Each structure stands twice: as structure tokens, then as C-alpha cells.
Amino acid sequence: MPTLILSGKADGIVAPSYADNFARRLAHARVTLLDGIGHLPHFEQAAKVAGLVGEFLRDRAVGRARGSATTIEYGALRLCLPTLA
């Protein structure tokens, strides 16, 4: 199962090295370490995290353009993302 692991380089609770350790235990895992971000990347840099998740899903799913948005389906997940020019 493709897995995206996001970790803040400035995380003072869980060391970023845990992300690499965890990824070694999962087939098809990708680690992205985020500069200047701590323990809550989805709060600290929500737009950046959303972009990374969207990119990850786009790389792995079948997308269909619908007007100014792209609908991505991945298993039971359906995500509608604005099309970026």
C-alpha cells in the first residue's frame, strides 16, 4: 500500500528519524521531512500539507478533470482538488 509519511524537522515530541524507521517497515512508503515545522504539520502549514497529500494522490490515482477541479479516486476515497494553473 503506498504510504506518505510527513514529519516536521522541528518536531520536539517525535524525532524525525522515526519517520525513516517507520518507512523501512512499510513497502512503498515515502517520507517527506518538512523544514521549520514541528509536531502538527497539518495545523502549522495546512496548505503545504494539503498540497503534498494532493500530489501524492495524483501520482497514484486515476484523475478526471471536471471544470476547474480534478476528482481523484483511490479505492473508496474520492477527493476533489482545484486545478492549479
PDB file of N, CA and C in Angstrom:
ATOM      1  N   MET A   1       0.842  -1.166   0.000  1.00  0.00           N
ATOM      2  CA  MET A   1       0.000   0.000   0.000  1.00  0.00           C
ATOM      3  C   MET A   1       0.891   1.235   0.000  1.00  0.00           C
ATOM      4  N   PRO A   2       0.742   2.097  -0.963  1.00  0.00           N
ATOM      5  CA  PRO A   2       1.512   3.340  -0.972  1.00  0.00           C
ATOM      6  C   PRO A   2       1.196   4.173   0.268  1.00  0.00           C
ATOM      7  N   THR A   3       2.231   4.692   0.899  1.00  0.00           N
ATOM      8  CA  THR A   3       2.065   5.436   2.140  1.00  0.00           C
ATOM      9  C   THR A   3       2.923   6.692   2.100  1.00  0.00           C
ATOM     10  N   LEU A   4       2.339   7.818   2.466  1.00  0.00           N
ATOM     11  CA  LEU A   4       3.068   9.073   2.585  1.00  0.00           C
ATOM     12  C   LEU A   4       3.234   9.363   4.067  1.00  0.00           C
ATOM     13  N   ILE A   5       4.472   9.533   4.499  1.00  0.00           N
ATOM     14  CA  ILE A   5       4.776   9.869   5.881  1.00  0.00           C
ATOM     15  C   ILE A   5       5.334  11.280   5.903  1.00  0.00           C
ATOM     16  N   LEU A   6       4.630  12.189   6.572  1.00  0.00           N
ATOM     17  CA  LEU A   6       5.070  13.568   6.702  1.00  0.00           C
ATOM     18  C   LEU A   6       5.550  13.787   8.125  1.00  0.00           C
ATOM     19  N   SER A   7       6.691  14.426   8.272  1.00  0.00           N
ATOM     20  CA  SER A   7       7.244  14.700   9.589  1.00  0.00           C
ATOM     21  C   SER A   7       7.895  16.066   9.583  1.00  0.00           C
ATOM     22  N   GLY A   8       7.664  16.814  10.646  1.00  0.00           N
ATOM     23  CA  GLY A   8       8.304  18.118  10.784  1.00  0.00           C
ATOM     24  C   GLY A   8       9.730  17.960  11.301  1.00  0.00           C
ATOM     25  N   LYS A   9      10.659  18.620  10.651  1.00  0.00           N
ATOM     26  CA  LYS A   9      12.057  18.558  11.091  1.00  0.00           C
ATOM     27  C   LYS A   9      12.251  19.172  12.472  1.00  0.00           C
ATOM     28  N   ALA A  10      11.348  20.080  12.870  1.00  0.00           N
ATOM     29  CA  ALA A  10      11.460  20.743  14.167  1.00  0.00           C
ATOM     30  C   ALA A  10      10.547  20.104  15.212  1.00  0.00           C
ATOM     31  N   ASP A  11      10.119  18.868  14.977  1.00  0.00           N
ATOM     32  CA  ASP A  11       9.239  18.172  15.915  1.00  0.00           C
ATOM     33  C   ASP A  11      10.012  17.871  17.192  1.00  0.00           C
ATOM     34  N   GLY A  12       9.562  18.437  18.310  1.00  0.00           N
ATOM     35  CA  GLY A  12      10.219  18.218  19.589  1.00  0.00           C
ATOM     36  C   GLY A  12       9.613  17.072  20.384  1.00  0.00           C
ATOM     37  N   ILE A  13       8.590  16.413  19.831  1.00  0.00           N
ATOM     38  CA  ILE A  13       7.922  15.318  20.527  1.00  0.00           C
ATOM     39  C   ILE A  13       8.327  13.969  19.936  1.00  0.00           C
ATOM     40  N   VAL A  14       8.266  13.862  18.613  1.00  0.00           N
ATOM     41  CA  VAL A  14       8.656  12.632  17.917  1.00  0.00           C
ATOM     42  C   VAL A  14       9.790  12.995  16.958  1.00  0.00           C
ATOM     43  N   ALA A  15      10.949  12.434  17.190  1.00  0.00           N
ATOM     44  CA  ALA A  15      12.114  12.748  16.351  1.00  0.00           C
ATOM     45  C   ALA A  15      11.843  12.368  14.898  1.00  0.00           C
ATOM     46  N   PRO A  16      12.240  13.229  13.950  1.00  0.00           N
ATOM     47  CA  PRO A  16      12.042  12.931  12.530  1.00  0.00           C
ATOM     48  C   PRO A  16      12.651  11.593  12.096  1.00  0.00           C
ATOM     49  N   SER A  17      13.649  11.114  12.810  1.00  0.00           N
ATOM     50  CA  SER A  17      14.257   9.830  12.454  1.00  0.00           C
ATOM     51  C   SER A  17      13.258   8.680  12.554  1.00  0.00           C
ATOM     52  N   TYR A  18      12.214   8.853  13.363  1.00  0.00           N
ATOM     53  CA  TYR A  18      11.191   7.819  13.453  1.00  0.00           C
ATOM     54  C   TYR A  18      10.474   7.633  12.125  1.00  0.00           C
ATOM     55  N   ALA A  19      10.328   8.693  11.347  1.00  0.00           N
ATOM     56  CA  ALA A  19       9.662   8.592  10.054  1.00  0.00           C
ATOM     57  C   ALA A  19      10.427   7.647   9.133  1.00  0.00           C
ATOM     58  N   ASP A  20      11.729   7.785   9.082  1.00  0.00           N
ATOM     59  CA  ASP A  20      12.544   6.888   8.251  1.00  0.00           C
ATOM     60  C   ASP A  20      12.480   5.458   8.769  1.00  0.00           C
ATOM     61  N   ASN A  21      12.535   5.301  10.080  1.00  0.00           N
ATOM     62  CA  ASN A  21      12.456   3.971  10.681  1.00  0.00           C
ATOM     63  C   ASN A  21      11.114   3.315  10.347  1.00  0.00           C
ATOM     64  N   PHE A  22      10.058   4.077  10.449  1.00  0.00           N
ATOM     65  CA  PHE A  22       8.725   3.565  10.137  1.00  0.00           C
ATOM     66  C   PHE A  22       8.631   3.194   8.655  1.00  0.00           C
ATOM     67  N   ALA A  23       9.170   4.048   7.789  1.00  0.00           N
ATOM     68  CA  ALA A  23       9.104   3.809   6.345  1.00  0.00           C
ATOM     69  C   ALA A  23       9.835   2.534   5.944  1.00  0.00           C
ATOM     70  N   ARG A  24      10.913   2.217   6.633  1.00  0.00           N
ATOM     71  CA  ARG A  24      11.641   0.989   6.319  1.00  0.00           C
ATOM     72  C   ARG A  24      10.790  -0.256   6.568  1.00  0.00           C
ATOM     73  N   ARG A  25       9.787  -0.139   7.392  1.00  0.00           N
ATOM     74  CA  ARG A  25       8.925  -1.270   7.731  1.00  0.00           C
ATOM     75  C   ARG A  25       7.718  -1.393   6.806  1.00  0.00           C
ATOM     76  N   LEU A  26       7.535  -0.407   5.944  1.00  0.00           N
ATOM     77  CA  LEU A  26       6.391  -0.401   5.030  1.00  0.00           C
ATOM     78  C   LEU A  26       6.864  -0.432   3.584  1.00  0.00           C
ATOM     79  N   ALA A  27       6.316  -1.338   2.817  1.00  0.00           N
ATOM     80  CA  ALA A  27       6.622  -1.336   1.383  1.00  0.00           C
ATOM     81  C   ALA A  27       5.971  -0.107   0.751  1.00  0.00           C
ATOM     82  N   HIS A  28       6.644   0.512  -0.160  1.00  0.00           N
ATOM     83  CA  HIS A  28       6.102   1.633  -0.938  1.00  0.00           C
ATOM     84  C   HIS A  28       5.825   2.879  -0.102  1.00  0.00           C
ATOM     85  N   ALA A  29       6.619   3.105   0.931  1.00  0.00           N
ATOM     86  CA  ALA A  29       6.440   4.301   1.754  1.00  0.00           C
ATOM     87  C   ALA A  29       7.356   5.416   1.259  1.00  0.00           C
ATOM     88  N   ARG A  30       6.851   6.633   1.349  1.00  0.00           N
ATOM     89  CA  ARG A  30       7.641   7.819   1.000  1.00  0.00           C
ATOM     90  C   ARG A  30       7.655   8.751   2.202  1.00  0.00           C
ATOM     91  N   VAL A  31       8.837   9.219   2.584  1.00  0.00           N
ATOM     92  CA  VAL A  31       8.991  10.140   3.706  1.00  0.00           C
ATOM     93  C   VAL A  31       9.277  11.532   3.158  1.00  0.00           C
ATOM     94  N   THR A  32       8.574  12.505   3.691  1.00  0.00           N
ATOM     95  CA  THR A  32       8.848  13.904   3.383  1.00  0.00           C
ATOM     96  C   THR A  32       9.054  14.622   4.702  1.00  0.00           C
ATOM     97  N   LEU A  33      10.266  15.150   4.906  1.00  0.00           N
ATOM     98  CA  LEU A  33      10.579  15.926   6.105  1.00  0.00           C
ATOM     99  C   LEU A  33      10.385  17.404   5.779  1.00  0.00           C
ATOM    100  N   LEU A  34       9.650  18.088   6.634  1.00  0.00           N
ATOM    101  CA  LEU A  34       9.250  19.464   6.376  1.00  0.00           C
ATOM    102  C   LEU A  34      10.062  20.444   7.211  1.00  0.00           C
ATOM    103  N   ASP A  35      10.765  21.353   6.535  1.00  0.00           N
ATOM    104  CA  ASP A  35      11.580  22.369   7.207  1.00  0.00           C
ATOM    105  C   ASP A  35      10.713  23.323   8.031  1.00  0.00           C
ATOM    106  N   GLY A  36      11.194  23.670   9.218  1.00  0.00           N
ATOM    107  CA  GLY A  36      10.553  24.688  10.031  1.00  0.00           C
ATOM    108  C   GLY A  36       9.192  24.304  10.580  1.00  0.00           C
ATOM    109  N   ILE A  37       8.873  23.029  10.563  1.00  0.00           N
ATOM    110  CA  ILE A  37       7.568  22.562  11.022  1.00  0.00           C
ATOM    111  C   ILE A  37       7.790  21.597  12.177  1.00  0.00           C
ATOM    112  N   GLY A  38       6.920  21.693  13.201  1.00  0.00           N
ATOM    113  CA  GLY A  38       7.050  20.857  14.380  1.00  0.00           C
ATOM    114  C   GLY A  38       6.160  19.631  14.353  1.00  0.00           C
ATOM    115  N   HIS A  39       5.466  19.391  15.468  1.00  0.00           N
ATOM    116  CA  HIS A  39       4.719  18.160  15.679  1.00  0.00           C
ATOM    117  C   HIS A  39       3.367  18.126  14.970  1.00  0.00           C
ATOM    118  N   LEU A  40       2.835  19.265  14.573  1.00  0.00           N
ATOM    119  CA  LEU A  40       1.499  19.312  13.974  1.00  0.00           C
ATOM    120  C   LEU A  40       1.537  19.956  12.590  1.00  0.00           C
ATOM    121  N   PRO A  41       2.157  19.298  11.625  1.00  0.00           N
ATOM    122  CA  PRO A  41       2.297  19.925  10.305  1.00  0.00           C
ATOM    123  C   PRO A  41       0.965  20.288   9.662  1.00  0.00           C
ATOM    124  N   HIS A  42      -0.077  19.491   9.890  1.00  0.00           N
ATOM    125  CA  HIS A  42      -1.374  19.770   9.279  1.00  0.00           C
ATOM    126  C   HIS A  42      -2.020  21.031   9.851  1.00  0.00           C
ATOM    127  N   PHE A  43      -1.594  21.489  11.037  1.00  0.00           N
ATOM    128  CA  PHE A  43      -2.052  22.762  11.590  1.00  0.00           C
ATOM    129  C   PHE A  43      -1.075  23.886  11.269  1.00  0.00           C
ATOM    130  N   GLU A  44       0.208  23.597  11.395  1.00  0.00           N
ATOM    131  CA  GLU A  44       1.234  24.628  11.229  1.00  0.00           C
ATOM    132  C   GLU A  44       1.349  25.103   9.782  1.00  0.00           C
ATOM    133  N   GLN A  45       1.218  24.211   8.850  1.00  0.00           N
ATOM    134  CA  GLN A  45       1.332  24.534   7.420  1.00  0.00           C
ATOM    135  C   GLN A  45       0.286  23.745   6.638  1.00  0.00           C
ATOM    136  N   ALA A  46      -0.984  24.017   6.921  1.00  0.00           N
ATOM    137  CA  ALA A  46      -2.075  23.238   6.331  1.00  0.00           C
ATOM    138  C   ALA A  46      -2.046  23.244   4.805  1.00  0.00           C
ATOM    139  N   ALA A  47      -1.804  24.387   4.196  1.00  0.00           N
ATOM    140  CA  ALA A  47      -1.802  24.463   2.731  1.00  0.00           C
ATOM    141  C   ALA A  47      -0.667  23.628   2.141  1.00  0.00           C
ATOM    142  N   LYS A  48       0.492  23.685   2.762  1.00  0.00           N
ATOM    143  CA  LYS A  48       1.635  22.901   2.271  1.00  0.00           C
ATOM    144  C   LYS A  48       1.345  21.409   2.391  1.00  0.00           C
ATOM    145  N   VAL A  49       0.802  20.993   3.522  1.00  0.00           N
ATOM    146  CA  VAL A  49       0.488  19.579   3.736  1.00  0.00           C
ATOM    147  C   VAL A  49      -0.585  19.127   2.753  1.00  0.00           C
ATOM    148  N   ALA A  50      -1.618  19.936   2.554  1.00  0.00           N
ATOM    149  CA  ALA A  50      -2.673  19.589   1.599  1.00  0.00           C
ATOM    150  C   ALA A  50      -2.099  19.436   0.193  1.00  0.00           C
ATOM    151  N   GLY A  51      -1.175  20.319  -0.174  1.00  0.00           N
ATOM    152  CA  GLY A  51      -0.538  20.208  -1.486  1.00  0.00           C
ATOM    153  C   GLY A  51       0.268  18.934  -1.633  1.00  0.00           C
ATOM    154  N   LEU A  52       1.003  18.571  -0.595  1.00  0.00           N
ATOM    155  CA  LEU A  52       1.800  17.340  -0.640  1.00  0.00           C
ATOM    156  C   LEU A  52       0.918  16.099  -0.712  1.00  0.00           C
ATOM    157  N   VAL A  53      -0.171  16.096   0.046  1.00  0.00           N
ATOM    158  CA  VAL A  53      -1.099  14.966   0.009  1.00  0.00           C
ATOM    159  C   VAL A  53      -1.772  14.893  -1.361  1.00  0.00           C
ATOM    160  N   GLY A  54      -2.190  16.025  -1.886  1.00  0.00           N
ATOM    161  CA  GLY A  54      -2.796  16.044  -3.213  1.00  0.00           C
ATOM    162  C   GLY A  54      -1.852  15.532  -4.278  1.00  0.00           C
ATOM    163  N   GLU A  55      -0.589  15.958  -4.222  1.00  0.00           N
ATOM    164  CA  GLU A  55       0.421  15.493  -5.176  1.00  0.00           C
ATOM    165  C   GLU A  55       0.623  13.977  -5.046  1.00  0.00           C
ATOM    166  N   PHE A  56       0.695  13.495  -3.830  1.00  0.00           N
ATOM    167  CA  PHE A  56       0.863  12.064  -3.573  1.00  0.00           C
ATOM    168  C   PHE A  56      -0.299  11.273  -4.181  1.00  0.00           C
ATOM    169  N   LEU A  57      -1.519  11.755  -3.966  1.00  0.00           N
ATOM    170  CA  LEU A  57      -2.692  11.067  -4.511  1.00  0.00           C
ATOM    171  C   LEU A  57      -2.747  11.156  -6.030  1.00  0.00           C
ATOM    172  N   ARG A  58      -2.408  12.315  -6.574  1.00  0.00           N
ATOM    173  CA  ARG A  58      -2.410  12.467  -8.032  1.00  0.00           C
ATOM    174  C   ARG A  58      -1.429  11.502  -8.691  1.00  0.00           C
ATOM    175  N   ASP A  59      -0.275  11.293  -8.051  1.00  0.00           N
ATOM    176  CA  ASP A  59       0.736  10.395  -8.593  1.00  0.00           C
ATOM    177  C   ASP A  59       0.275   8.942  -8.617  1.00  0.00           C
ATOM    178  N   ARG A  60      -0.705   8.600  -7.801  1.00  0.00           N
ATOM    179  CA  ARG A  60      -1.081   7.211  -7.625  1.00  0.00           C
ATOM    180  C   ARG A  60      -2.509   6.876  -8.024  1.00  0.00           C
ATOM    181  N   ALA A  61      -3.278   7.839  -8.422  1.00  0.00           N
ATOM    182  CA  ALA A  61      -4.687   7.594  -8.691  1.00  0.00           C
ATOM    183  C   ALA A  61      -5.058   8.007 -10.105  1.00  0.00           C
ATOM    184  N   VAL A  62      -6.217   7.575 -10.502  1.00  0.00           N
ATOM    185  CA  VAL A  62      -6.772   7.973 -11.791  1.00  0.00           C
ATOM    186  C   VAL A  62      -7.572   9.238 -11.549  1.00  0.00           C
ATOM    187  N   GLY A  63      -7.205  10.311 -12.241  1.00  0.00           N
ATOM    188  CA  GLY A  63      -7.908  11.575 -12.063  1.00  0.00           C
ATOM    189  C   GLY A  63      -8.719  11.923 -13.297  1.00  0.00           C
ATOM    190  N   ARG A  64      -9.825  12.622 -13.076  1.00  0.00           N
ATOM    191  CA  ARG A  64     -10.658  13.090 -14.174  1.00  0.00           C
ATOM    192  C   ARG A  64     -10.864  14.584 -13.997  1.00  0.00           C
ATOM    193  N   ALA A  65     -10.553  15.350 -15.030  1.00  0.00           N
ATOM    194  CA  ALA A  65     -10.753  16.799 -14.962  1.00  0.00           C
ATOM    195  C   ALA A  65     -12.236  17.110 -15.040  1.00  0.00           C
ATOM    196  N   ARG A  66     -12.691  18.006 -14.189  1.00  0.00           N
ATOM    197  CA  ARG A  66     -14.078  18.465 -14.186  1.00  0.00           C
ATOM    198  C   ARG A  66     -14.069  19.975 -13.998  1.00  0.00           C
ATOM    199  N   GLY A  67     -14.113  20.721 -15.068  1.00  0.00           N
ATOM    200  CA  GLY A  67     -14.109  22.171 -14.966  1.00  0.00           C
ATOM    201  C   GLY A  67     -12.822  22.672 -14.355  1.00  0.00           C
ATOM    202  N   SER A  68     -12.935  23.375 -13.248  1.00  0.00           N
ATOM    203  CA  SER A  68     -11.756  23.949 -12.617  1.00  0.00           C
ATOM    204  C   SER A  68     -11.235  23.070 -11.474  1.00  0.00           C
ATOM    205  N   ALA A  69     -11.665  21.805 -11.444  1.00  0.00           N
ATOM    206  CA  ALA A  69     -11.221  20.901 -10.386  1.00  0.00           C
ATOM    207  C   ALA A  69     -10.906  19.530 -10.973  1.00  0.00           C
ATOM    208  N   THR A  70     -10.148  18.771 -10.247  1.00  0.00           N
ATOM    209  CA  THR A  70      -9.844  17.399 -10.620  1.00  0.00           C
ATOM    210  C   THR A  70     -10.382  16.487  -9.531  1.00  0.00           C
ATOM    211  N   THR A  71     -11.138  15.478  -9.930  1.00  0.00           N
ATOM    212  CA  THR A  71     -11.631  14.489  -8.985  1.00  0.00           C
ATOM    213  C   THR A  71     -10.693  13.299  -9.034  1.00  0.00           C
ATOM    214  N   ILE A  72     -10.203  12.911  -7.879  1.00  0.00           N
ATOM    215  CA  ILE A  72      -9.276  11.786  -7.777  1.00  0.00           C
ATOM    216  C   ILE A  72      -9.958  10.684  -6.990  1.00  0.00           C
ATOM    217  N   GLU A  73      -9.928   9.479  -7.536  1.00  0.00           N
ATOM    218  CA  GLU A  73     -10.487   8.340  -6.839  1.00  0.00           C
ATOM    219  C   GLU A  73      -9.369   7.359  -6.550  1.00  0.00           C
ATOM    220  N   TYR A  74      -9.291   6.939  -5.312  1.00  0.00           N
ATOM    221  CA  TYR A  74      -8.273   5.990  -4.896  1.00  0.00           C
ATOM    222  C   TYR A  74      -8.948   5.026  -3.933  1.00  0.00           C
ATOM    223  N   GLY A  75      -9.291   3.850  -4.423  1.00  0.00           N
ATOM    224  CA  GLY A  75     -10.069   2.927  -3.604  1.00  0.00           C
ATOM    225  C   GLY A  75     -11.403   3.572  -3.274  1.00  0.00           C
ATOM    226  N   ALA A  76     -11.760   3.599  -2.000  1.00  0.00           N
ATOM    227  CA  ALA A  76     -13.025   4.192  -1.571  1.00  0.00           C
ATOM    228  C   ALA A  76     -12.921   5.698  -1.373  1.00  0.00           C
ATOM    229  N   LEU A  77     -11.717   6.257  -1.508  1.00  0.00           N
ATOM    230  CA  LEU A  77     -11.510   7.682  -1.296  1.00  0.00           C
ATOM    231  C   LEU A  77     -11.800   8.460  -2.571  1.00  0.00           C
ATOM    232  N   ARG A  78     -12.594   9.491  -2.457  1.00  0.00           N
ATOM    233  CA  ARG A  78     -12.838  10.406  -3.568  1.00  0.00           C
ATOM    234  C   ARG A  78     -12.489  11.803  -3.079  1.00  0.00           C
ATOM    235  N   LEU A  79     -11.602  12.463  -3.808  1.00  0.00           N
ATOM    236  CA  LEU A  79     -11.095  13.768  -3.394  1.00  0.00           C
ATOM    237  C   LEU A  79     -11.233  14.719  -4.578  1.00  0.00           C
ATOM    238  N   CYS A  80     -11.779  15.888  -4.341  1.00  0.00           N
ATOM    239  CA  CYS A  80     -11.912  16.896  -5.382  1.00  0.00           C
ATOM    240  C   CYS A  80     -10.939  18.025  -5.079  1.00  0.00           C
ATOM    241  N   LEU A  81      -9.986  18.250  -5.992  1.00  0.00           N
ATOM    242  CA  LEU A  81      -8.951  19.261  -5.788  1.00  0.00           C
ATOM    243  C   LEU A  81      -9.044  20.313  -6.881  1.00  0.00           C
ATOM    244  N   PRO A  82      -8.851  21.583  -6.515  1.00  0.00           N
ATOM    245  CA  PRO A  82      -8.828  22.619  -7.539  1.00  0.00           C
ATOM    246  C   PRO A  82      -7.665  22.390  -8.500  1.00  0.00           C
ATOM    247  N   THR A  83      -7.914  22.635  -9.766  1.00  0.00           N
ATOM    248  CA  THR A  83      -6.861  22.529 -10.758  1.00  0.00           C
ATOM    249  C   THR A  83      -5.970  23.756 -10.661  1.00  0.00           C
ATOM    250  N   LEU A  84      -4.677  23.537 -10.507  1.00  0.00           N
ATOM    251  CA  LEU A  84      -3.722  24.637 -10.391  1.00  0.00           C
ATOM    252  C   LEU A  84      -3.122  24.918 -11.756  1.00  0.00           C
ATOM    253  N   ALA A  85      -3.075  26.179 -12.118  1.00  0.00           N
ATOM    254  CA  ALA A  85      -2.518  26.558 -13.424  1.00  0.00           C
ATOM    255  C   ALA A  85      -1.025  26.666 -13.356  1.00  0.00           C
TER     256      ALA A  85
END
